[in-house]
Amino acid sequence: MTTATDGQTSTTLPAPDAASPVDETELGHDPELDPEVDEDPLAALDRPPFSEVDAELDLDRLLNSFRLLMLHHSRVLSHQGGQHGLGLTDLRFLFYVSAAGDAVTPKRAAEYLELSSGAMTNLVDRLIDSGHLDRRPNPGDRRSVIVSLTEEGRAAAIEIAGVYRRSFSEVFSAPQYRGMADAFLDFGAALDRNGALPSE
């Protein structure tokens, strides 16, 4: 608005219309770039301190989560094994041979998997017939043999392991891998101490 006072011209800004909102971008504030914060930033400081009750509740939740994880694990093995014509015991043995360095004696595997010598013999024969395992004389002991994965057995193990590799990489970051591997080893040892191994 322009007004004349004593021959001089001055310019004044019109009063904002109460019926129309003020454009905040004209005031240097863009609501999209600087959204309002609904939560009080100090609200997190009002949390009660950790207590033993929290520990018990968190441990219960951890146990339930682990149970669900085992269910998912069993379902994956059942599905993946079915695609390769392999049962759960077959997969356990293939994974063991792969993890043990791809050259183990059936006796050693039977002890780890808690199978009788007869059951292990049948298992080895079945996996040799299916083309997943190879058997050769043990150079360190003529009374025993060594079994190892064939190309087909190794391909099956790698393909099934890929399901877990992709799943781990989707959920966890690379810096977490080493710590998680150590935690899994420690947890497995704890399971053995607390119930997996027979008492002497």
N, C-alpha and C. Protein backbone atom coordinates (compact mmCIF):
# COMPACT_ATOMS: atom_id res chain seq x y z
N MET A 1 0.85 -1.19 0.00
CA MET A 1 0.00 0.00 0.00
C MET A 1 0.89 1.24 0.00
N THR A 2 0.52 2.26 -0.82
CA THR A 2 1.29 3.51 -0.92
C THR A 2 0.45 4.65 -0.40
N THR A 3 1.05 5.46 0.51
CA THR A 3 0.36 6.63 1.07
C THR A 3 1.22 7.85 0.90
N ALA A 4 0.57 9.02 0.87
CA ALA A 4 1.29 10.30 0.73
C ALA A 4 1.17 11.05 2.02
N THR A 5 2.30 11.49 2.59
CA THR A 5 2.32 12.25 3.84
C THR A 5 3.23 13.45 3.65
N ASP A 6 2.62 14.71 3.71
CA ASP A 6 3.37 15.97 3.57
C ASP A 6 4.22 15.95 2.30
N GLY A 7 3.64 15.45 1.23
CA GLY A 7 4.35 15.46 -0.03
C GLY A 7 5.31 14.33 -0.22
N GLN A 8 5.49 13.52 0.84
CA GLN A 8 6.42 12.40 0.72
C GLN A 8 5.62 11.12 0.52
N THR A 9 6.18 10.24 -0.21
CA THR A 9 5.52 8.96 -0.49
C THR A 9 6.19 7.86 0.32
N SER A 10 5.39 7.08 1.02
CA SER A 10 5.94 5.97 1.80
C SER A 10 5.15 4.71 1.48
N THR A 11 5.79 3.62 1.65
CA THR A 11 5.17 2.33 1.36
C THR A 11 5.05 1.52 2.64
N THR A 12 3.88 1.01 2.91
CA THR A 12 3.66 0.15 4.08
C THR A 12 3.12 -1.18 3.61
N LEU A 13 3.46 -2.23 4.34
CA LEU A 13 2.98 -3.56 4.01
C LEU A 13 1.57 -3.74 4.52
N PRO A 14 0.69 -4.34 3.75
CA PRO A 14 -0.67 -4.57 4.23
C PRO A 14 -0.68 -5.59 5.35
N ALA A 15 -1.60 -5.45 6.26
CA ALA A 15 -1.73 -6.39 7.38
C ALA A 15 -2.16 -7.73 6.84
N PRO A 16 -1.63 -8.81 7.37
CA PRO A 16 -2.01 -10.14 6.88
C PRO A 16 -3.47 -10.39 7.11
N ASP A 17 -4.08 -11.03 6.13
CA ASP A 17 -5.48 -11.37 6.22
C ASP A 17 -5.63 -12.56 7.16
N ALA A 18 -6.41 -12.39 8.20
CA ALA A 18 -6.56 -13.44 9.19
C ALA A 18 -7.22 -14.66 8.60
N ALA A 19 -7.96 -14.49 7.51
CA ALA A 19 -8.69 -15.62 6.93
C ALA A 19 -7.78 -16.49 6.08
N SER A 20 -6.60 -15.96 5.65
CA SER A 20 -5.70 -16.74 4.80
C SER A 20 -4.42 -17.02 5.56
N PRO A 21 -3.89 -18.25 5.45
CA PRO A 21 -2.67 -18.58 6.18
C PRO A 21 -1.46 -17.88 5.60
N VAL A 22 -0.47 -17.69 6.45
CA VAL A 22 0.77 -17.05 6.02
C VAL A 22 1.62 -18.09 5.30
N ASP A 23 2.16 -17.71 4.15
CA ASP A 23 3.04 -18.60 3.41
C ASP A 23 4.37 -18.69 4.14
N GLU A 24 4.65 -19.88 4.74
CA GLU A 24 5.84 -20.01 5.56
C GLU A 24 7.12 -19.99 4.73
N THR A 25 7.02 -20.26 3.42
CA THR A 25 8.23 -20.21 2.61
C THR A 25 8.74 -18.79 2.47
N GLU A 26 7.82 -17.79 2.58
CA GLU A 26 8.25 -16.40 2.51
C GLU A 26 9.01 -16.02 3.78
N LEU A 27 8.79 -16.76 4.86
CA LEU A 27 9.48 -16.47 6.11
C LEU A 27 10.76 -17.30 6.27
N GLY A 28 11.13 -18.01 5.19
CA GLY A 28 12.35 -18.80 5.26
C GLY A 28 12.14 -20.17 5.86
N HIS A 29 10.90 -20.64 5.99
CA HIS A 29 10.63 -21.94 6.59
C HIS A 29 9.84 -22.79 5.62
N ASP A 30 10.41 -23.90 5.21
CA ASP A 30 9.75 -24.82 4.30
C ASP A 30 9.28 -26.02 5.11
N PRO A 31 7.97 -26.22 5.27
CA PRO A 31 7.48 -27.33 6.10
C PRO A 31 7.95 -28.69 5.61
N GLU A 32 8.18 -28.85 4.29
CA GLU A 32 8.60 -30.15 3.79
C GLU A 32 10.06 -30.44 4.13
N LEU A 33 10.89 -29.39 4.15
CA LEU A 33 12.29 -29.57 4.48
C LEU A 33 12.55 -29.50 5.96
N ASP A 34 11.66 -28.93 6.71
CA ASP A 34 11.83 -28.78 8.16
C ASP A 34 10.54 -29.16 8.84
N PRO A 35 10.18 -30.47 8.82
CA PRO A 35 8.90 -30.88 9.39
C PRO A 35 8.88 -30.70 10.90
N GLU A 36 7.69 -30.51 11.40
CA GLU A 36 7.54 -30.37 12.84
C GLU A 36 7.78 -31.71 13.52
N VAL A 37 8.36 -31.71 14.68
CA VAL A 37 8.62 -32.91 15.46
C VAL A 37 7.49 -33.10 16.44
N ASP A 38 6.78 -34.23 16.28
CA ASP A 38 5.64 -34.48 17.15
C ASP A 38 6.08 -34.96 18.52
N GLU A 39 7.18 -35.75 18.57
CA GLU A 39 7.60 -36.31 19.83
C GLU A 39 8.57 -35.38 20.55
N ASP A 40 8.50 -35.45 21.85
CA ASP A 40 9.42 -34.68 22.67
C ASP A 40 10.79 -35.34 22.59
N PRO A 41 11.84 -34.64 22.16
CA PRO A 41 13.15 -35.28 22.04
C PRO A 41 13.71 -35.76 23.37
N LEU A 42 13.17 -35.26 24.48
CA LEU A 42 13.64 -35.67 25.79
C LEU A 42 12.81 -36.81 26.37
N ALA A 43 11.82 -37.30 25.58
CA ALA A 43 10.94 -38.33 26.12
C ALA A 43 11.71 -39.61 26.41
N ALA A 44 12.76 -39.90 25.60
CA ALA A 44 13.52 -41.13 25.82
C ALA A 44 14.22 -41.12 27.17
N LEU A 45 14.49 -39.94 27.70
CA LEU A 45 15.18 -39.86 28.98
C LEU A 45 14.26 -40.23 30.13
N ASP A 46 12.96 -40.32 29.86
CA ASP A 46 12.02 -40.64 30.92
C ASP A 46 11.83 -42.14 31.10
N ARG A 47 12.55 -42.97 30.30
CA ARG A 47 12.40 -44.41 30.43
C ARG A 47 12.92 -44.88 31.78
N PRO A 48 12.23 -45.85 32.37
CA PRO A 48 12.71 -46.36 33.67
C PRO A 48 14.01 -47.12 33.50
N PRO A 49 14.82 -47.19 34.50
CA PRO A 49 16.09 -47.92 34.39
C PRO A 49 15.86 -49.40 34.19
N PHE A 50 16.87 -50.07 33.61
CA PHE A 50 16.79 -51.50 33.35
C PHE A 50 16.67 -52.25 34.67
N SER A 51 15.87 -53.30 34.66
CA SER A 51 15.68 -54.10 35.87
C SER A 51 15.74 -55.57 35.52
N GLU A 52 15.81 -56.42 36.55
CA GLU A 52 15.83 -57.86 36.35
C GLU A 52 14.54 -58.34 35.70
N VAL A 53 13.45 -57.64 35.95
CA VAL A 53 12.18 -58.00 35.32
C VAL A 53 12.31 -57.86 33.82
N ASP A 54 12.94 -56.78 33.37
CA ASP A 54 13.17 -56.58 31.94
C ASP A 54 14.01 -57.72 31.37
N ALA A 55 15.02 -58.17 32.11
CA ALA A 55 15.90 -59.23 31.64
C ALA A 55 15.12 -60.52 31.43
N GLU A 56 14.24 -60.86 32.36
CA GLU A 56 13.45 -62.07 32.23
C GLU A 56 12.49 -61.99 31.05
N LEU A 57 11.86 -60.84 30.88
CA LEU A 57 10.95 -60.67 29.75
C LEU A 57 11.70 -60.72 28.43
N ASP A 58 12.85 -60.08 28.38
CA ASP A 58 13.65 -60.09 27.15
C ASP A 58 14.16 -61.50 26.85
N LEU A 59 14.53 -62.25 27.90
CA LEU A 59 15.01 -63.61 27.69
C LEU A 59 13.89 -64.51 27.18
N ASP A 60 12.68 -64.32 27.69
CA ASP A 60 11.53 -65.08 27.20
C ASP A 60 11.28 -64.77 25.72
N ARG A 61 11.36 -63.50 25.37
CA ARG A 61 11.16 -63.11 23.97
C ARG A 61 12.26 -63.69 23.09
N LEU A 62 13.49 -63.70 23.60
CA LEU A 62 14.60 -64.27 22.84
C LEU A 62 14.38 -65.76 22.61
N LEU A 63 13.92 -66.46 23.64
CA LEU A 63 13.67 -67.90 23.51
C LEU A 63 12.56 -68.17 22.50
N ASN A 64 11.49 -67.41 22.56
CA ASN A 64 10.41 -67.59 21.59
C ASN A 64 10.87 -67.29 20.17
N SER A 65 11.70 -66.26 20.02
CA SER A 65 12.23 -65.93 18.70
C SER A 65 13.11 -67.07 18.17
N PHE A 66 13.89 -67.67 19.07
CA PHE A 66 14.75 -68.79 18.67
C PHE A 66 13.92 -69.99 18.25
N ARG A 67 12.83 -70.25 18.96
CA ARG A 67 11.94 -71.35 18.59
C ARG A 67 11.36 -71.13 17.19
N LEU A 68 10.95 -69.91 16.92
CA LEU A 68 10.43 -69.61 15.59
C LEU A 68 11.51 -69.76 14.53
N LEU A 69 12.74 -69.36 14.88
CA LEU A 69 13.86 -69.51 13.95
C LEU A 69 14.07 -70.98 13.60
N MET A 70 13.99 -71.86 14.60
CA MET A 70 14.16 -73.28 14.36
C MET A 70 13.06 -73.83 13.45
N LEU A 71 11.85 -73.32 13.62
CA LEU A 71 10.75 -73.73 12.74
C LEU A 71 11.02 -73.31 11.30
N HIS A 72 11.47 -72.07 11.12
CA HIS A 72 11.82 -71.59 9.77
C HIS A 72 12.96 -72.43 9.19
N HIS A 73 13.94 -72.73 10.01
CA HIS A 73 15.09 -73.52 9.58
C HIS A 73 14.64 -74.91 9.11
N SER A 74 13.78 -75.56 9.89
CA SER A 74 13.29 -76.89 9.52
C SER A 74 12.50 -76.85 8.22
N ARG A 75 11.71 -75.79 8.07
CA ARG A 75 10.91 -75.68 6.85
C ARG A 75 11.79 -75.47 5.62
N VAL A 76 12.83 -74.66 5.77
CA VAL A 76 13.75 -74.43 4.64
C VAL A 76 14.45 -75.74 4.26
N LEU A 77 14.94 -76.48 5.27
CA LEU A 77 15.64 -77.72 4.99
C LEU A 77 14.70 -78.74 4.33
N SER A 78 13.46 -78.80 4.81
CA SER A 78 12.50 -79.74 4.22
C SER A 78 12.24 -79.39 2.76
N HIS A 79 12.05 -78.11 2.48
CA HIS A 79 11.76 -77.68 1.11
C HIS A 79 12.96 -77.86 0.20
N GLN A 80 14.13 -77.39 0.66
CA GLN A 80 15.33 -77.48 -0.16
C GLN A 80 15.77 -78.92 -0.35
N GLY A 81 15.67 -79.73 0.71
CA GLY A 81 16.04 -81.13 0.59
C GLY A 81 15.14 -81.86 -0.39
N GLY A 82 13.84 -81.53 -0.36
CA GLY A 82 12.92 -82.16 -1.28
C GLY A 82 13.27 -81.87 -2.73
N GLN A 83 13.77 -80.66 -3.00
CA GLN A 83 14.15 -80.32 -4.37
C GLN A 83 15.34 -81.13 -4.86
N HIS A 84 16.18 -81.62 -3.91
CA HIS A 84 17.36 -82.40 -4.29
C HIS A 84 17.18 -83.88 -3.99
N GLY A 85 16.00 -84.27 -3.56
CA GLY A 85 15.77 -85.67 -3.23
C GLY A 85 16.51 -86.12 -1.98
N LEU A 86 16.71 -85.21 -1.03
CA LEU A 86 17.48 -85.50 0.18
C LEU A 86 16.61 -85.32 1.42
N GLY A 87 16.77 -86.23 2.38
CA GLY A 87 16.07 -86.13 3.64
C GLY A 87 16.87 -85.30 4.63
N LEU A 88 16.31 -85.10 5.82
CA LEU A 88 16.96 -84.27 6.82
C LEU A 88 18.30 -84.86 7.26
N THR A 89 18.35 -86.18 7.49
CA THR A 89 19.61 -86.81 7.88
C THR A 89 20.62 -86.73 6.76
N ASP A 90 20.17 -86.87 5.53
CA ASP A 90 21.08 -86.72 4.38
C ASP A 90 21.73 -85.34 4.39
N LEU A 91 20.92 -84.30 4.60
CA LEU A 91 21.44 -82.94 4.60
C LEU A 91 22.40 -82.71 5.75
N ARG A 92 22.06 -83.23 6.91
CA ARG A 92 22.95 -83.07 8.07
C ARG A 92 24.32 -83.66 7.75
N PHE A 93 24.33 -84.82 7.12
CA PHE A 93 25.59 -85.48 6.79
C PHE A 93 26.36 -84.70 5.74
N LEU A 94 25.68 -84.24 4.70
CA LEU A 94 26.36 -83.46 3.66
C LEU A 94 26.95 -82.18 4.23
N PHE A 95 26.19 -81.49 5.09
CA PHE A 95 26.69 -80.26 5.70
C PHE A 95 27.89 -80.56 6.60
N TYR A 96 27.81 -81.69 7.30
CA TYR A 96 28.93 -82.05 8.18
C TYR A 96 30.19 -82.31 7.36
N VAL A 97 30.07 -83.08 6.28
CA VAL A 97 31.23 -83.37 5.43
C VAL A 97 31.81 -82.07 4.87
N SER A 98 30.92 -81.17 4.44
CA SER A 98 31.38 -79.90 3.89
C SER A 98 32.10 -79.06 4.95
N ALA A 99 31.52 -78.99 6.15
CA ALA A 99 32.10 -78.17 7.21
C ALA A 99 33.38 -78.78 7.78
N ALA A 100 33.50 -80.11 7.72
CA ALA A 100 34.66 -80.79 8.31
C ALA A 100 35.86 -80.83 7.38
N GLY A 101 35.74 -80.28 6.20
CA GLY A 101 36.88 -80.25 5.30
C GLY A 101 36.75 -81.18 4.12
N ASP A 102 35.54 -81.72 3.93
CA ASP A 102 35.24 -82.52 2.74
C ASP A 102 36.04 -83.81 2.66
N ALA A 103 36.50 -84.33 3.79
CA ALA A 103 37.18 -85.62 3.81
C ALA A 103 37.12 -86.17 5.22
N VAL A 104 36.11 -86.97 5.51
CA VAL A 104 35.91 -87.49 6.87
C VAL A 104 35.67 -88.99 6.80
N THR A 105 35.90 -89.65 7.93
CA THR A 105 35.60 -91.07 8.02
C THR A 105 34.16 -91.23 8.47
N PRO A 106 33.47 -92.26 8.01
CA PRO A 106 32.10 -92.49 8.46
C PRO A 106 32.00 -92.67 9.98
N LYS A 107 33.02 -93.27 10.59
CA LYS A 107 33.00 -93.47 12.04
C LYS A 107 32.96 -92.13 12.76
N ARG A 108 33.80 -91.21 12.31
CA ARG A 108 33.83 -89.89 12.94
C ARG A 108 32.51 -89.16 12.75
N ALA A 109 31.93 -89.26 11.55
CA ALA A 109 30.64 -88.62 11.29
C ALA A 109 29.53 -89.25 12.11
N ALA A 110 29.57 -90.59 12.27
CA ALA A 110 28.54 -91.28 13.04
C ALA A 110 28.57 -90.83 14.50
N GLU A 111 29.74 -90.62 15.04
CA GLU A 111 29.85 -90.16 16.42
C GLU A 111 29.27 -88.76 16.58
N TYR A 112 29.57 -87.89 15.64
CA TYR A 112 29.08 -86.52 15.73
C TYR A 112 27.57 -86.45 15.54
N LEU A 113 27.04 -87.22 14.57
CA LEU A 113 25.61 -87.19 14.27
C LEU A 113 24.81 -88.15 15.15
N GLU A 114 25.52 -88.90 16.01
CA GLU A 114 24.89 -89.84 16.92
C GLU A 114 24.08 -90.89 16.16
N LEU A 115 24.74 -91.51 15.19
CA LEU A 115 24.14 -92.59 14.41
C LEU A 115 24.91 -93.88 14.67
N SER A 116 24.20 -94.99 14.60
CA SER A 116 24.85 -96.29 14.75
C SER A 116 25.70 -96.57 13.51
N SER A 117 26.61 -97.54 13.63
CA SER A 117 27.47 -97.86 12.49
C SER A 117 26.64 -98.39 11.32
N GLY A 118 25.58 -99.16 11.64
CA GLY A 118 24.72 -99.67 10.58
C GLY A 118 23.97 -98.56 9.87
N ALA A 119 23.44 -97.61 10.66
CA ALA A 119 22.71 -96.49 10.05
C ALA A 119 23.65 -95.64 9.21
N MET A 120 24.88 -95.45 9.67
CA MET A 120 25.84 -94.67 8.90
C MET A 120 26.21 -95.37 7.60
N THR A 121 26.38 -96.69 7.65
CA THR A 121 26.70 -97.44 6.44
C THR A 121 25.59 -97.30 5.41
N ASN A 122 24.35 -97.41 5.86
CA ASN A 122 23.21 -97.25 4.94
C ASN A 122 23.15 -95.83 4.38
N LEU A 123 23.45 -94.85 5.23
CA LEU A 123 23.41 -93.45 4.80
C LEU A 123 24.47 -93.19 3.73
N VAL A 124 25.69 -93.68 3.98
CA VAL A 124 26.77 -93.47 3.01
C VAL A 124 26.44 -94.16 1.69
N ASP A 125 25.95 -95.40 1.77
CA ASP A 125 25.60 -96.12 0.54
C ASP A 125 24.52 -95.38 -0.25
N ARG A 126 23.52 -94.85 0.46
CA ARG A 126 22.42 -94.16 -0.21
C ARG A 126 22.91 -92.90 -0.91
N LEU A 127 23.79 -92.14 -0.25
CA LEU A 127 24.29 -90.90 -0.83
C LEU A 127 25.30 -91.15 -1.95
N ILE A 128 25.98 -92.28 -1.89
CA ILE A 128 26.86 -92.64 -3.01
C ILE A 128 26.02 -93.03 -4.22
N ASP A 129 24.96 -93.80 -3.97
CA ASP A 129 24.08 -94.20 -5.07
C ASP A 129 23.38 -93.00 -5.72
N SER A 130 23.07 -91.98 -4.91
CA SER A 130 22.40 -90.78 -5.45
C SER A 130 23.37 -89.82 -6.12
N GLY A 131 24.68 -90.11 -6.00
CA GLY A 131 25.67 -89.27 -6.66
C GLY A 131 26.14 -88.08 -5.86
N HIS A 132 25.80 -88.02 -4.56
CA HIS A 132 26.19 -86.87 -3.73
C HIS A 132 27.51 -87.09 -2.98
N LEU A 133 27.90 -88.36 -2.79
CA LEU A 133 29.12 -88.67 -2.05
C LEU A 133 30.02 -89.59 -2.86
N ASP A 134 31.31 -89.50 -2.53
CA ASP A 134 32.31 -90.39 -3.11
C ASP A 134 33.05 -91.06 -1.96
N ARG A 135 33.46 -92.30 -2.16
CA ARG A 135 34.15 -93.05 -1.11
C ARG A 135 35.47 -93.58 -1.67
N ARG A 136 36.52 -93.46 -0.85
CA ARG A 136 37.84 -93.94 -1.27
C ARG A 136 38.59 -94.46 -0.04
N PRO A 137 39.62 -95.27 -0.23
CA PRO A 137 40.39 -95.78 0.91
C PRO A 137 41.03 -94.66 1.72
N ASN A 138 41.12 -94.86 3.00
CA ASN A 138 41.76 -93.89 3.89
C ASN A 138 43.27 -94.11 3.83
N PRO A 139 44.05 -93.14 3.33
CA PRO A 139 45.50 -93.34 3.22
C PRO A 139 46.18 -93.48 4.57
N GLY A 140 45.51 -93.00 5.63
CA GLY A 140 46.12 -93.09 6.96
C GLY A 140 45.71 -94.32 7.73
N ASP A 141 44.72 -95.07 7.22
CA ASP A 141 44.24 -96.26 7.93
C ASP A 141 43.55 -97.17 6.91
N ARG A 142 44.20 -98.28 6.58
CA ARG A 142 43.66 -99.18 5.56
C ARG A 142 42.36 -99.84 5.99
N ARG A 143 42.05 -99.82 7.29
CA ARG A 143 40.83 -100.47 7.77
C ARG A 143 39.60 -99.58 7.59
N SER A 144 39.77 -98.32 7.20
CA SER A 144 38.63 -97.41 7.07
C SER A 144 38.65 -96.74 5.70
N VAL A 145 37.61 -95.97 5.45
CA VAL A 145 37.48 -95.24 4.19
C VAL A 145 37.25 -93.77 4.50
N ILE A 146 37.35 -92.97 3.48
CA ILE A 146 37.08 -91.53 3.57
C ILE A 146 35.97 -91.20 2.59
N VAL A 147 35.04 -90.39 3.03
CA VAL A 147 33.97 -89.95 2.14
C VAL A 147 34.14 -88.45 1.89
N SER A 148 33.76 -88.02 0.71
CA SER A 148 33.84 -86.61 0.34
C SER A 148 32.69 -86.29 -0.61
N LEU A 149 32.43 -85.02 -0.78
CA LEU A 149 31.34 -84.59 -1.65
C LEU A 149 31.74 -84.71 -3.12
N THR A 150 30.82 -85.16 -3.93
CA THR A 150 31.01 -85.11 -5.38
C THR A 150 30.63 -83.71 -5.87
N GLU A 151 30.79 -83.48 -7.14
CA GLU A 151 30.39 -82.19 -7.69
C GLU A 151 28.90 -81.96 -7.46
N GLU A 152 28.10 -83.00 -7.62
CA GLU A 152 26.66 -82.86 -7.39
C GLU A 152 26.35 -82.57 -5.92
N GLY A 153 27.05 -83.28 -5.02
CA GLY A 153 26.83 -83.04 -3.60
C GLY A 153 27.27 -81.66 -3.18
N ARG A 154 28.40 -81.20 -3.72
CA ARG A 154 28.88 -79.86 -3.40
C ARG A 154 27.94 -78.79 -3.94
N ALA A 155 27.40 -79.00 -5.13
CA ALA A 155 26.47 -78.03 -5.72
C ALA A 155 25.20 -77.94 -4.88
N ALA A 156 24.72 -79.07 -4.38
CA ALA A 156 23.52 -79.06 -3.54
C ALA A 156 23.78 -78.31 -2.24
N ALA A 157 24.95 -78.58 -1.61
CA ALA A 157 25.29 -77.91 -0.36
C ALA A 157 25.42 -76.40 -0.57
N ILE A 158 26.05 -76.00 -1.67
CA ILE A 158 26.24 -74.57 -1.95
C ILE A 158 24.90 -73.89 -2.21
N GLU A 159 24.03 -74.57 -2.96
CA GLU A 159 22.73 -73.98 -3.29
C GLU A 159 21.89 -73.78 -2.04
N ILE A 160 21.87 -74.77 -1.16
CA ILE A 160 21.08 -74.64 0.07
C ILE A 160 21.71 -73.60 1.00
N ALA A 161 23.03 -73.60 1.07
CA ALA A 161 23.71 -72.60 1.90
C ALA A 161 23.44 -71.19 1.39
N GLY A 162 23.20 -71.06 0.07
CA GLY A 162 22.92 -69.75 -0.49
C GLY A 162 21.66 -69.12 0.07
N VAL A 163 20.69 -69.95 0.44
CA VAL A 163 19.46 -69.43 1.06
C VAL A 163 19.81 -68.71 2.35
N TYR A 164 20.71 -69.29 3.12
CA TYR A 164 21.10 -68.70 4.40
C TYR A 164 22.02 -67.49 4.20
N ARG A 165 22.91 -67.56 3.22
CA ARG A 165 23.78 -66.43 2.94
C ARG A 165 22.96 -65.19 2.56
N ARG A 166 21.98 -65.38 1.69
CA ARG A 166 21.15 -64.25 1.27
C ARG A 166 20.32 -63.72 2.44
N SER A 167 19.84 -64.61 3.27
CA SER A 167 19.02 -64.19 4.41
C SER A 167 19.85 -63.42 5.42
N PHE A 168 21.06 -63.90 5.71
CA PHE A 168 21.93 -63.18 6.63
C PHE A 168 22.26 -61.79 6.09
N SER A 169 22.58 -61.70 4.81
CA SER A 169 22.98 -60.41 4.24
C SER A 169 21.81 -59.43 4.16
N GLU A 170 20.57 -59.94 4.12
CA GLU A 170 19.41 -59.05 4.10
C GLU A 170 19.17 -58.41 5.46
N VAL A 171 19.52 -59.10 6.52
CA VAL A 171 19.15 -58.65 7.87
C VAL A 171 20.32 -58.02 8.60
N PHE A 172 21.53 -58.52 8.36
CA PHE A 172 22.69 -58.05 9.12
C PHE A 172 23.71 -57.39 8.20
N SER A 173 24.52 -56.52 8.79
CA SER A 173 25.57 -55.83 8.03
C SER A 173 26.88 -56.60 8.17
N ALA A 174 27.78 -56.37 7.23
CA ALA A 174 29.04 -57.10 7.21
C ALA A 174 29.85 -56.96 8.51
N PRO A 175 29.90 -55.78 9.15
CA PRO A 175 30.66 -55.69 10.40
C PRO A 175 30.11 -56.57 11.52
N GLN A 176 28.88 -57.05 11.38
CA GLN A 176 28.30 -57.89 12.42
C GLN A 176 28.62 -59.37 12.24
N TYR A 177 29.08 -59.76 11.07
CA TYR A 177 29.25 -61.18 10.77
C TYR A 177 30.19 -61.89 11.74
N ARG A 178 31.36 -61.30 12.00
CA ARG A 178 32.36 -61.98 12.81
C ARG A 178 31.86 -62.17 14.24
N GLY A 179 31.24 -61.13 14.80
CA GLY A 179 30.73 -61.25 16.16
C GLY A 179 29.61 -62.27 16.26
N MET A 180 28.75 -62.32 15.24
CA MET A 180 27.67 -63.29 15.25
C MET A 180 28.19 -64.71 15.12
N ALA A 181 29.22 -64.91 14.29
CA ALA A 181 29.81 -66.24 14.15
C ALA A 181 30.36 -66.72 15.48
N ASP A 182 31.06 -65.84 16.18
CA ASP A 182 31.59 -66.21 17.50
C ASP A 182 30.46 -66.50 18.48
N ALA A 183 29.40 -65.70 18.42
CA ALA A 183 28.27 -65.91 19.33
C ALA A 183 27.58 -67.24 19.05
N PHE A 184 27.44 -67.61 17.78
CA PHE A 184 26.83 -68.90 17.44
C PHE A 184 27.67 -70.06 17.96
N LEU A 185 29.01 -69.96 17.82
CA LEU A 185 29.89 -71.01 18.32
C LEU A 185 29.77 -71.13 19.84
N ASP A 186 29.75 -70.00 20.52
CA ASP A 186 29.63 -70.01 21.99
C ASP A 186 28.27 -70.58 22.41
N PHE A 187 27.22 -70.21 21.68
CA PHE A 187 25.89 -70.68 22.02
C PHE A 187 25.78 -72.19 21.78
N GLY A 188 26.37 -72.67 20.69
CA GLY A 188 26.36 -74.11 20.43
C GLY A 188 27.08 -74.88 21.53
N ALA A 189 28.22 -74.35 21.98
CA ALA A 189 28.94 -75.01 23.08
C ALA A 189 28.12 -75.00 24.36
N ALA A 190 27.40 -73.90 24.60
CA ALA A 190 26.55 -73.82 25.79
C ALA A 190 25.40 -74.83 25.72
N LEU A 191 24.84 -75.03 24.53
CA LEU A 191 23.79 -76.03 24.37
C LEU A 191 24.33 -77.43 24.69
N ASP A 192 25.54 -77.72 24.23
CA ASP A 192 26.14 -79.01 24.53
C ASP A 192 26.31 -79.18 26.04
N ARG A 193 26.80 -78.15 26.69
CA ARG A 193 27.02 -78.24 28.14
C ARG A 193 25.72 -78.42 28.90
N ASN A 194 24.65 -77.81 28.41
CA ASN A 194 23.42 -77.80 29.17
C ASN A 194 22.39 -78.85 28.77
N GLY A 195 22.74 -79.70 27.80
CA GLY A 195 21.75 -80.71 27.48
C GLY A 195 21.98 -81.54 26.25
N ALA A 196 22.81 -81.08 25.31
CA ALA A 196 22.97 -81.83 24.07
C ALA A 196 23.85 -83.04 24.26
N LEU A 197 24.89 -82.94 25.09
CA LEU A 197 25.80 -84.05 25.30
C LEU A 197 25.29 -84.93 26.43
N PRO A 198 25.44 -86.26 26.30
CA PRO A 198 25.01 -87.15 27.38
C PRO A 198 25.86 -86.95 28.62
N SER A 199 25.22 -87.05 29.77
CA SER A 199 25.95 -86.87 31.03
C SER A 199 26.83 -88.08 31.29
N GLU A 200 28.00 -87.84 31.84
CA GLU A 200 28.95 -88.93 32.10
C GLU A 200 28.75 -89.46 33.52
